C-alpha atoms as a PDB file:
ATOM      1  CA  LEU A   1      67.617 -54.524-121.374  1.00  0.00           C
ATOM      2  CA  ASN A   2      64.350 -55.672-122.242  1.00  0.00           C
ATOM      3  CA  GLN A   3      62.820 -54.009-125.748  1.00  0.00           C
ATOM      4  CA  ARG A   4      60.389 -52.061-124.267  1.00  0.00           C
ATOM      5  CA  THR A   5      63.098 -50.054-122.269  1.00  0.00           C
ATOM      6  CA  PHE A   6      65.411 -49.907-125.337  1.00  0.00           C
ATOM      7  CA  ALA A   7      62.576 -48.719-127.267  1.00  0.00           C
ATOM      8  CA  ILE A   8      61.894 -45.771-124.596  1.00  0.00           C
ATOM      9  CA  MET A   9      65.756 -44.837-124.269  1.00  0.00           C
ATOM     10  CA  GLU A  10      65.517 -44.439-128.065  1.00  0.00           C
ATOM     11  CA  ILE A  11      62.409 -42.233-128.230  1.00  0.00           C
ATOM     12  CA  LEU A  12      64.203 -40.118-125.285  1.00  0.00           C
ATOM     13  CA  SER A  13      67.646 -39.716-127.364  1.00  0.00           C
ATOM     14  CA  ILE A  14      65.480 -38.806-130.454  1.00  0.00           C
ATOM     15  CA  THR A  15      63.423 -36.239-128.474  1.00  0.00           C
ATOM     16  CA  LYS A  16      67.116 -34.869-127.018  1.00  0.00           C
ATOM     17  CA  GLU A  17      68.267 -34.363-130.457  1.00  0.00           C
ATOM     18  CA  ASP A  18      64.988 -32.863-131.506  1.00  0.00           C
ATOM     19  CA  ILE A  19      65.241 -30.285-128.901  1.00  0.00           C
ATOM     20  CA  LYS A  20      69.071 -29.637-129.663  1.00  0.00           C
ATOM     21  CA  PHE A  21      67.631 -29.027-133.250  1.00  0.00           C
ATOM     22  CA  ALA A  22      64.875 -26.969-132.206  1.00  0.00           C
ATOM     23  CA  LYS A  23      67.283 -24.629-129.734  1.00  0.00           C
ATOM     24  CA  SER A  24      69.807 -24.332-132.871  1.00  0.00           C
ATOM     25  CA  GLN A  25      66.947 -23.269-135.219  1.00  0.00           C
ATOM     26  CA  MET A  26      65.675 -20.540-132.849  1.00  0.00           C
ATOM     27  CA  PHE A  27      69.421 -19.289-132.301  1.00  0.00           C
ATOM     28  CA  ARG A  28      69.558 -19.150-135.768  1.00  0.00           C
ATOM     29  CA  GLU A  29      66.557 -16.827-136.302  1.00  0.00           C
ATOM     30  CA  TYR A  30      67.578 -14.528-133.176  1.00  0.00           C
END
């Protein structure tokens, strides 16, 4: 893997965690 690909994968995994967190926050409110 070159560094750029690794950086993109890292961003995507962070986004996935953010989405998971946002969903858990939503479920907590409703």
